[in-house]
């Protein structure tokens, strides 16, 4: 019963978002962006609603979601740690940051801790190559990062 309420809520809210875009197929990325902003990811129920309302195949919507790294199909933790593995960051040791985050949180990239507090993502570039290596927690960028700094940041968020 509760699951139906959740589906109905997502359906209603997604239809409101689509209405804002006048059910215009060419606005799919804007619609997906708004859905992701609302939920932190793009739920399957929202994809179904978008497909019906815009009269687009689910496969096309899924293709757009998976093409753009900004979109995600799974919920993220309250604190999403994104570690840059782009060339500049990788050369300067970002793999050590990733290894430490996995060890500390006991999860792999793309996973969420059981308490829902943390998730880890590997990203290819955050546009801060001059600060390499870089990691981010949500929208906050940490440059010239060290394993010690990563530990301190994780400790800070664990206390919250």
N, C-alpha and C. Protein backbone atom coordinates (compact mmCIF):
# COMPACT_ATOMS: atom_id res chain seq x y z
N UNK A 1 0.82 -1.20 0.00
CA UNK A 1 0.00 0.00 0.00
C UNK A 1 0.86 1.26 0.00
N UNK A 2 1.88 1.27 0.89
CA UNK A 2 2.74 2.45 0.98
C UNK A 2 3.50 2.68 -0.32
N UNK A 3 3.91 1.58 -0.99
CA UNK A 3 4.63 1.70 -2.26
C UNK A 3 3.76 2.40 -3.31
N UNK A 4 2.46 2.07 -3.34
CA UNK A 4 1.54 2.73 -4.27
C UNK A 4 1.48 4.23 -4.03
N UNK A 5 1.49 4.63 -2.76
CA UNK A 5 1.46 6.06 -2.42
C UNK A 5 2.70 6.76 -2.95
N UNK A 6 3.85 6.08 -2.82
CA UNK A 6 5.10 6.65 -3.33
C UNK A 6 5.03 6.80 -4.84
N UNK A 7 4.56 5.74 -5.53
CA UNK A 7 4.43 5.80 -6.99
C UNK A 7 3.51 6.94 -7.41
N UNK A 8 2.40 7.07 -6.71
CA UNK A 8 1.44 8.13 -7.05
C UNK A 8 2.05 9.51 -6.84
N UNK A 9 2.82 9.65 -5.78
CA UNK A 9 3.47 10.93 -5.49
C UNK A 9 4.49 11.28 -6.60
N UNK A 10 5.32 10.30 -6.97
CA UNK A 10 6.32 10.51 -8.03
C UNK A 10 5.61 10.83 -9.34
N UNK A 11 4.54 10.09 -9.62
CA UNK A 11 3.78 10.32 -10.86
C UNK A 11 3.23 11.75 -10.90
N UNK A 12 2.60 12.16 -9.83
CA UNK A 12 2.00 13.50 -9.75
C UNK A 12 3.07 14.59 -9.89
N UNK A 13 4.15 14.45 -9.15
CA UNK A 13 5.21 15.47 -9.18
C UNK A 13 5.91 15.52 -10.53
N UNK A 14 6.10 14.36 -11.15
CA UNK A 14 6.74 14.33 -12.47
C UNK A 14 5.83 14.97 -13.51
N UNK A 15 4.54 14.72 -13.43
CA UNK A 15 3.60 15.37 -14.36
C UNK A 15 3.63 16.89 -14.21
N UNK A 16 3.77 17.37 -12.98
CA UNK A 16 3.87 18.82 -12.75
C UNK A 16 5.13 19.39 -13.42
N UNK A 17 6.23 18.66 -13.31
CA UNK A 17 7.48 19.10 -13.95
C UNK A 17 7.30 19.15 -15.46
N UNK A 18 6.72 18.11 -16.02
CA UNK A 18 6.53 18.03 -17.47
C UNK A 18 5.62 19.15 -17.96
N UNK A 19 4.59 19.46 -17.17
CA UNK A 19 3.65 20.53 -17.53
C UNK A 19 4.38 21.86 -17.69
N UNK A 20 5.38 22.08 -16.84
CA UNK A 20 6.19 23.30 -16.89
C UNK A 20 6.86 23.47 -18.25
N UNK A 21 7.13 22.34 -18.92
CA UNK A 21 7.80 22.34 -20.21
C UNK A 21 6.83 22.13 -21.37
N UNK A 22 5.55 22.27 -21.09
CA UNK A 22 4.49 22.17 -22.10
C UNK A 22 4.55 20.84 -22.87
N UNK A 23 4.95 19.77 -22.18
CA UNK A 23 5.04 18.44 -22.79
C UNK A 23 5.85 18.44 -24.09
N UNK A 24 6.89 19.27 -24.12
CA UNK A 24 7.73 19.42 -25.31
C UNK A 24 8.89 18.41 -25.26
N UNK A 25 8.91 17.46 -26.22
CA UNK A 25 9.94 16.43 -26.28
C UNK A 25 11.35 17.03 -26.33
N UNK A 26 11.48 18.17 -26.98
CA UNK A 26 12.81 18.77 -27.12
C UNK A 26 13.35 19.28 -25.78
N UNK A 27 12.51 19.27 -24.76
CA UNK A 27 12.91 19.72 -23.43
C UNK A 27 13.22 18.55 -22.49
N UNK A 28 13.48 17.37 -23.07
CA UNK A 28 13.71 16.17 -22.26
C UNK A 28 14.83 16.37 -21.24
N UNK A 29 15.93 16.96 -21.64
CA UNK A 29 17.06 17.13 -20.72
C UNK A 29 16.67 18.05 -19.56
N UNK A 30 15.94 19.10 -19.83
CA UNK A 30 15.47 19.98 -18.77
C UNK A 30 14.54 19.26 -17.81
N UNK A 31 13.66 18.43 -18.36
CA UNK A 31 12.73 17.65 -17.54
C UNK A 31 13.51 16.67 -16.66
N UNK A 32 14.45 15.94 -17.28
CA UNK A 32 15.26 14.99 -16.52
C UNK A 32 16.06 15.70 -15.43
N UNK A 33 16.58 16.87 -15.77
CA UNK A 33 17.35 17.64 -14.79
C UNK A 33 16.47 18.01 -13.58
N UNK A 34 15.27 18.47 -13.86
CA UNK A 34 14.35 18.86 -12.77
C UNK A 34 13.96 17.65 -11.91
N UNK A 35 13.74 16.51 -12.56
CA UNK A 35 13.39 15.29 -11.82
C UNK A 35 14.57 14.90 -10.93
N UNK A 36 15.76 14.94 -11.50
CA UNK A 36 16.95 14.59 -10.71
C UNK A 36 17.14 15.56 -9.54
N UNK A 37 16.92 16.83 -9.78
CA UNK A 37 17.04 17.82 -8.70
C UNK A 37 16.04 17.50 -7.58
N UNK A 38 14.86 17.07 -7.95
CA UNK A 38 13.81 16.79 -6.97
C UNK A 38 14.12 15.56 -6.12
N UNK A 39 14.59 14.48 -6.77
CA UNK A 39 14.75 13.21 -6.07
C UNK A 39 16.20 12.81 -5.79
N UNK A 40 17.16 13.48 -6.43
CA UNK A 40 18.56 13.10 -6.27
C UNK A 40 18.98 12.03 -7.26
N UNK A 41 18.02 11.52 -8.01
CA UNK A 41 18.23 10.55 -9.08
C UNK A 41 16.96 10.52 -9.91
N UNK A 42 16.92 9.68 -10.95
CA UNK A 42 15.73 9.63 -11.79
C UNK A 42 15.05 8.28 -11.57
N UNK A 43 14.00 8.27 -10.74
CA UNK A 43 13.31 7.01 -10.43
C UNK A 43 12.66 6.40 -11.67
N UNK A 44 12.56 5.08 -11.66
CA UNK A 44 11.93 4.36 -12.79
C UNK A 44 10.50 4.85 -13.01
N UNK A 45 9.76 5.09 -11.94
CA UNK A 45 8.38 5.56 -12.07
C UNK A 45 8.34 6.90 -12.83
N UNK A 46 9.30 7.77 -12.57
CA UNK A 46 9.36 9.06 -13.27
C UNK A 46 9.65 8.84 -14.76
N UNK A 47 10.51 7.88 -15.07
CA UNK A 47 10.81 7.57 -16.47
C UNK A 47 9.56 7.08 -17.20
N UNK A 48 8.77 6.26 -16.52
CA UNK A 48 7.53 5.74 -17.12
C UNK A 48 6.57 6.90 -17.41
N UNK A 49 6.44 7.81 -16.47
CA UNK A 49 5.55 8.97 -16.65
C UNK A 49 6.04 9.83 -17.81
N UNK A 50 7.35 10.09 -17.85
CA UNK A 50 7.92 10.90 -18.94
C UNK A 50 7.65 10.23 -20.28
N UNK A 51 7.83 8.93 -20.34
CA UNK A 51 7.59 8.18 -21.57
C UNK A 51 6.14 8.34 -22.04
N UNK A 52 5.21 8.19 -21.13
CA UNK A 52 3.79 8.31 -21.49
C UNK A 52 3.42 9.74 -21.87
N UNK A 53 3.84 10.69 -21.05
CA UNK A 53 3.45 12.09 -21.27
C UNK A 53 4.06 12.68 -22.54
N UNK A 54 5.31 12.30 -22.85
CA UNK A 54 5.97 12.85 -24.04
C UNK A 54 5.83 11.93 -25.25
N UNK A 55 5.17 10.78 -25.03
CA UNK A 55 4.99 9.80 -26.11
C UNK A 55 6.33 9.42 -26.73
N UNK A 56 7.26 9.08 -25.83
CA UNK A 56 8.61 8.67 -26.24
C UNK A 56 8.88 7.26 -25.71
N UNK A 57 9.63 6.47 -26.47
CA UNK A 57 9.97 5.13 -25.97
C UNK A 57 10.85 5.21 -24.72
N UNK A 58 10.64 4.29 -23.79
CA UNK A 58 11.46 4.22 -22.58
C UNK A 58 12.94 4.09 -22.95
N UNK A 59 13.23 3.34 -24.00
CA UNK A 59 14.62 3.11 -24.41
C UNK A 59 15.31 4.44 -24.77
N UNK A 60 14.57 5.34 -25.37
CA UNK A 60 15.14 6.64 -25.75
C UNK A 60 15.45 7.47 -24.49
N UNK A 61 14.55 7.44 -23.55
CA UNK A 61 14.74 8.18 -22.30
C UNK A 61 15.92 7.60 -21.54
N UNK A 62 15.95 6.27 -21.45
CA UNK A 62 17.05 5.58 -20.78
C UNK A 62 18.39 5.91 -21.46
N UNK A 63 18.38 5.97 -22.77
CA UNK A 63 19.60 6.29 -23.53
C UNK A 63 20.14 7.67 -23.18
N UNK A 64 19.24 8.64 -23.04
CA UNK A 64 19.67 10.00 -22.67
C UNK A 64 20.20 10.01 -21.24
N UNK A 65 19.51 9.34 -20.33
CA UNK A 65 19.93 9.30 -18.93
C UNK A 65 21.33 8.69 -18.81
N UNK A 66 21.55 7.59 -19.50
CA UNK A 66 22.84 6.90 -19.36
C UNK A 66 23.95 7.56 -20.18
N UNK A 67 23.59 8.36 -21.16
CA UNK A 67 24.61 9.06 -21.96
C UNK A 67 25.26 10.18 -21.15
N UNK A 68 24.46 10.93 -20.42
CA UNK A 68 24.97 12.07 -19.66
C UNK A 68 25.35 11.63 -18.25
N UNK A 69 26.62 11.84 -17.89
CA UNK A 69 27.10 11.38 -16.58
C UNK A 69 26.44 12.15 -15.43
N UNK A 70 25.84 13.27 -15.71
CA UNK A 70 25.18 14.05 -14.67
C UNK A 70 23.96 13.31 -14.10
N UNK A 71 23.32 12.53 -14.95
CA UNK A 71 22.12 11.82 -14.52
C UNK A 71 22.46 10.49 -13.88
N UNK A 72 21.63 10.08 -12.94
CA UNK A 72 21.84 8.80 -12.27
C UNK A 72 20.51 8.09 -12.08
N UNK A 73 20.57 6.77 -12.15
CA UNK A 73 19.38 5.93 -11.99
C UNK A 73 19.23 5.40 -10.58
N UNK A 74 20.24 5.65 -9.76
CA UNK A 74 20.21 5.14 -8.38
C UNK A 74 20.37 6.29 -7.39
N UNK A 75 19.75 6.16 -6.24
CA UNK A 75 19.90 7.21 -5.23
C UNK A 75 21.36 7.34 -4.78
N UNK A 76 21.74 8.52 -4.40
CA UNK A 76 23.08 8.79 -3.86
C UNK A 76 22.96 8.95 -2.36
N UNK A 77 24.09 8.89 -1.69
CA UNK A 77 24.11 9.13 -0.27
C UNK A 77 23.89 10.61 0.01
N UNK A 78 23.61 10.92 1.26
CA UNK A 78 23.46 12.33 1.67
C UNK A 78 24.72 13.10 1.30
N UNK A 79 25.87 12.44 1.45
CA UNK A 79 27.16 13.03 1.07
C UNK A 79 27.76 12.17 -0.03
N UNK A 80 27.69 12.68 -1.25
CA UNK A 80 28.24 11.95 -2.39
C UNK A 80 29.67 12.39 -2.61
N UNK A 81 30.60 11.46 -2.47
CA UNK A 81 32.02 11.75 -2.67
C UNK A 81 32.37 11.37 -4.10
N UNK A 82 32.71 12.37 -4.90
CA UNK A 82 33.09 12.15 -6.29
C UNK A 82 34.60 12.36 -6.40
N UNK A 83 35.30 11.33 -6.83
CA UNK A 83 36.76 11.39 -6.93
C UNK A 83 37.14 11.43 -8.40
N UNK A 84 37.88 12.47 -8.75
CA UNK A 84 38.27 12.66 -10.15
C UNK A 84 39.40 11.69 -10.50
N UNK A 85 39.18 10.95 -11.57
CA UNK A 85 40.20 10.05 -12.09
C UNK A 85 40.63 10.48 -13.49
N UNK A 86 40.40 11.76 -13.81
CA UNK A 86 40.87 12.30 -15.08
C UNK A 86 42.40 12.27 -15.09
N UNK A 87 42.99 12.49 -16.23
CA UNK A 87 44.43 12.34 -16.39
C UNK A 87 45.24 13.13 -15.37
N UNK A 88 44.98 14.43 -15.24
CA UNK A 88 45.77 15.25 -14.32
C UNK A 88 45.65 14.74 -12.88
N UNK A 89 44.44 14.42 -12.47
CA UNK A 89 44.22 13.94 -11.10
C UNK A 89 44.82 12.56 -10.90
N UNK A 90 44.65 11.69 -11.88
CA UNK A 90 45.17 10.33 -11.77
C UNK A 90 46.68 10.33 -11.63
N UNK A 91 47.34 11.14 -12.47
CA UNK A 91 48.81 11.23 -12.43
C UNK A 91 49.28 11.73 -11.07
N UNK A 92 48.47 12.57 -10.43
CA UNK A 92 48.86 13.13 -9.14
C UNK A 92 48.34 12.32 -7.95
N UNK A 93 47.81 11.12 -8.20
CA UNK A 93 47.51 10.22 -7.11
C UNK A 93 46.07 10.06 -6.68
N UNK A 94 45.14 10.39 -7.54
CA UNK A 94 43.73 10.29 -7.12
C UNK A 94 43.28 8.85 -6.88
N UNK A 95 43.96 7.88 -7.48
CA UNK A 95 43.59 6.48 -7.23
C UNK A 95 43.73 6.15 -5.74
N UNK A 96 44.74 6.74 -5.08
CA UNK A 96 44.91 6.53 -3.63
C UNK A 96 43.71 7.08 -2.86
N UNK A 97 43.18 8.20 -3.33
CA UNK A 97 41.99 8.78 -2.70
C UNK A 97 40.80 7.83 -2.84
N UNK A 98 40.63 7.31 -4.04
CA UNK A 98 39.52 6.38 -4.28
C UNK A 98 39.67 5.13 -3.42
N UNK A 99 40.88 4.57 -3.40
CA UNK A 99 41.11 3.37 -2.61
C UNK A 99 40.80 3.62 -1.13
N UNK A 100 41.20 4.78 -0.62
CA UNK A 100 40.97 5.10 0.78
C UNK A 100 39.47 5.29 1.07
N UNK A 101 38.77 5.97 0.18
CA UNK A 101 37.32 6.16 0.37
C UNK A 101 36.60 4.81 0.40
N UNK A 102 36.98 3.91 -0.50
CA UNK A 102 36.38 2.58 -0.53
C UNK A 102 36.66 1.83 0.77
N UNK A 103 37.88 1.94 1.25
CA UNK A 103 38.28 1.27 2.49
C UNK A 103 37.53 1.84 3.69
N UNK A 104 37.49 3.16 3.78
CA UNK A 104 36.84 3.81 4.93
C UNK A 104 35.34 3.54 4.98
N UNK A 105 34.70 3.59 3.83
CA UNK A 105 33.25 3.50 3.79
C UNK A 105 32.73 2.08 3.52
N UNK A 106 33.67 1.20 3.13
CA UNK A 106 33.34 -0.19 2.86
C UNK A 106 32.28 -0.33 1.77
N UNK A 107 32.40 0.50 0.74
CA UNK A 107 31.52 0.43 -0.43
C UNK A 107 32.36 0.63 -1.68
N UNK A 108 31.80 0.27 -2.80
CA UNK A 108 32.42 0.47 -4.11
C UNK A 108 31.79 1.68 -4.79
N UNK A 109 32.45 2.24 -5.80
CA UNK A 109 31.83 3.33 -6.56
C UNK A 109 30.46 2.91 -7.08
N UNK A 110 29.50 3.84 -6.96
CA UNK A 110 28.13 3.57 -7.38
C UNK A 110 27.27 3.01 -6.26
N UNK A 111 27.88 2.71 -5.12
CA UNK A 111 27.11 2.17 -4.00
C UNK A 111 26.88 3.23 -2.93
N UNK A 112 25.96 2.92 -2.02
CA UNK A 112 25.60 3.81 -0.92
C UNK A 112 25.79 3.04 0.38
N UNK A 113 26.31 3.70 1.41
CA UNK A 113 26.45 3.04 2.70
C UNK A 113 25.07 2.65 3.21
N UNK A 114 25.03 1.64 4.07
CA UNK A 114 23.74 1.14 4.56
C UNK A 114 22.91 2.21 5.26
N UNK A 115 23.58 3.16 5.90
CA UNK A 115 22.83 4.22 6.59
C UNK A 115 22.38 5.34 5.65
N UNK A 116 22.77 5.22 4.35
CA UNK A 116 22.38 6.22 3.36
C UNK A 116 23.16 7.51 3.45
N UNK A 117 24.19 7.54 4.25
CA UNK A 117 24.92 8.78 4.50
C UNK A 117 25.94 9.10 3.40
N UNK A 118 26.62 8.06 2.87
CA UNK A 118 27.69 8.27 1.90
C UNK A 118 27.50 7.45 0.64
N UNK A 119 27.98 7.99 -0.46
CA UNK A 119 28.12 7.24 -1.71
C UNK A 119 29.42 7.71 -2.35
N UNK A 120 29.93 6.88 -3.24
CA UNK A 120 31.19 7.20 -3.94
C UNK A 120 30.92 7.13 -5.44
N UNK A 121 31.46 8.11 -6.16
CA UNK A 121 31.44 8.08 -7.63
C UNK A 121 32.84 8.34 -8.15
N UNK A 122 33.16 7.67 -9.24
CA UNK A 122 34.38 7.98 -10.00
C UNK A 122 33.95 8.94 -11.09
N UNK A 123 34.64 10.06 -11.23
CA UNK A 123 34.34 10.99 -12.31
C UNK A 123 35.59 11.20 -13.14
N UNK A 124 35.42 11.62 -14.36
CA UNK A 124 36.57 11.75 -15.26
C UNK A 124 37.17 13.15 -15.28
N UNK A 125 36.40 14.16 -14.96
CA UNK A 125 36.98 15.51 -14.90
C UNK A 125 35.97 16.43 -14.23
N UNK A 126 36.44 17.24 -13.31
CA UNK A 126 35.56 18.22 -12.67
C UNK A 126 35.94 19.63 -13.08
N UNK A 127 36.90 19.73 -14.02
CA UNK A 127 37.30 21.04 -14.53
C UNK A 127 38.19 21.82 -13.58
N UNK A 128 38.89 21.11 -12.71
CA UNK A 128 39.79 21.78 -11.75
C UNK A 128 41.17 21.14 -11.83
N UNK A 129 41.65 20.92 -13.04
CA UNK A 129 42.91 20.22 -13.26
C UNK A 129 44.10 20.90 -12.57
N UNK A 130 44.06 22.21 -12.45
CA UNK A 130 45.14 22.94 -11.80
C UNK A 130 45.22 22.66 -10.31
N UNK A 131 44.16 22.06 -9.75
CA UNK A 131 44.12 21.73 -8.33
C UNK A 131 44.30 20.23 -8.08
N UNK A 132 44.70 19.49 -9.10
CA UNK A 132 44.79 18.03 -9.02
C UNK A 132 45.72 17.58 -7.89
N UNK A 133 45.35 16.46 -7.25
CA UNK A 133 44.13 15.67 -7.40
C UNK A 133 42.95 16.32 -6.67
N UNK A 134 41.76 16.02 -7.16
CA UNK A 134 40.56 16.67 -6.67
C UNK A 134 39.51 15.62 -6.29
N UNK A 135 38.78 15.90 -5.20
CA UNK A 135 37.56 15.17 -4.91
C UNK A 135 36.51 16.19 -4.50
N UNK A 136 35.27 15.79 -4.61
CA UNK A 136 34.16 16.66 -4.25
C UNK A 136 33.25 15.93 -3.28
N UNK A 137 32.65 16.68 -2.38
CA UNK A 137 31.56 16.16 -1.56
C UNK A 137 30.37 17.04 -1.89
N UNK A 138 29.39 16.43 -2.54
CA UNK A 138 28.27 17.16 -3.11
C UNK A 138 28.83 18.25 -4.03
N UNK A 139 28.65 19.52 -3.74
CA UNK A 139 29.15 20.56 -4.64
C UNK A 139 30.44 21.23 -4.15
N UNK A 140 31.00 20.74 -3.05
CA UNK A 140 32.21 21.35 -2.50
C UNK A 140 33.45 20.65 -3.04
N UNK A 141 34.36 21.44 -3.62
CA UNK A 141 35.57 20.91 -4.24
C UNK A 141 36.74 20.99 -3.27
N UNK A 142 37.48 19.88 -3.20
CA UNK A 142 38.69 19.82 -2.38
C UNK A 142 39.86 19.58 -3.32
N UNK A 143 40.73 20.61 -3.46
CA UNK A 143 41.86 20.52 -4.38
C UNK A 143 43.16 20.21 -3.67
N UNK A 144 44.17 19.82 -4.48
CA UNK A 144 45.47 19.41 -3.95
C UNK A 144 45.24 18.41 -2.81
N UNK A 145 44.33 17.51 -3.04
CA UNK A 145 43.83 16.61 -2.00
C UNK A 145 44.85 15.55 -1.60
N UNK A 146 44.78 15.19 -0.34
CA UNK A 146 45.60 14.12 0.21
C UNK A 146 44.68 13.10 0.87
N UNK A 147 45.22 11.93 1.13
CA UNK A 147 44.45 10.90 1.82
C UNK A 147 44.09 11.41 3.22
N UNK A 148 45.00 12.10 3.85
CA UNK A 148 44.75 12.66 5.19
C UNK A 148 43.57 13.63 5.13
N UNK A 149 43.56 14.50 4.13
CA UNK A 149 42.45 15.45 3.98
C UNK A 149 41.13 14.72 3.75
N UNK A 150 41.14 13.69 2.91
CA UNK A 150 39.94 12.91 2.66
C UNK A 150 39.43 12.30 3.97
N UNK A 151 40.34 11.73 4.76
CA UNK A 151 39.95 11.16 6.06
C UNK A 151 39.31 12.22 6.95
N UNK A 152 39.88 13.41 6.98
CA UNK A 152 39.35 14.49 7.82
C UNK A 152 37.95 14.89 7.37
N UNK A 153 37.75 14.97 6.06
CA UNK A 153 36.44 15.35 5.52
C UNK A 153 35.40 14.26 5.84
N UNK A 154 35.77 13.01 5.64
CA UNK A 154 34.85 11.91 5.96
C UNK A 154 34.51 11.94 7.45
N UNK A 155 35.53 12.14 8.30
CA UNK A 155 35.29 12.22 9.75
C UNK A 155 34.30 13.33 10.08
N UNK A 156 34.48 14.48 9.43
CA UNK A 156 33.58 15.63 9.68
C UNK A 156 32.14 15.28 9.34
N UNK A 157 31.92 14.66 8.18
CA UNK A 157 30.56 14.31 7.78
C UNK A 157 29.99 13.15 8.57
N UNK A 158 30.83 12.27 9.08
CA UNK A 158 30.34 11.16 9.89
C UNK A 158 29.71 11.67 11.19
N UNK A 159 30.23 12.79 11.68
CA UNK A 159 29.74 13.36 12.94
C UNK A 159 28.39 14.06 12.77
N UNK A 160 28.06 14.41 11.55
CA UNK A 160 26.80 15.14 11.29
C UNK A 160 25.60 14.22 11.28
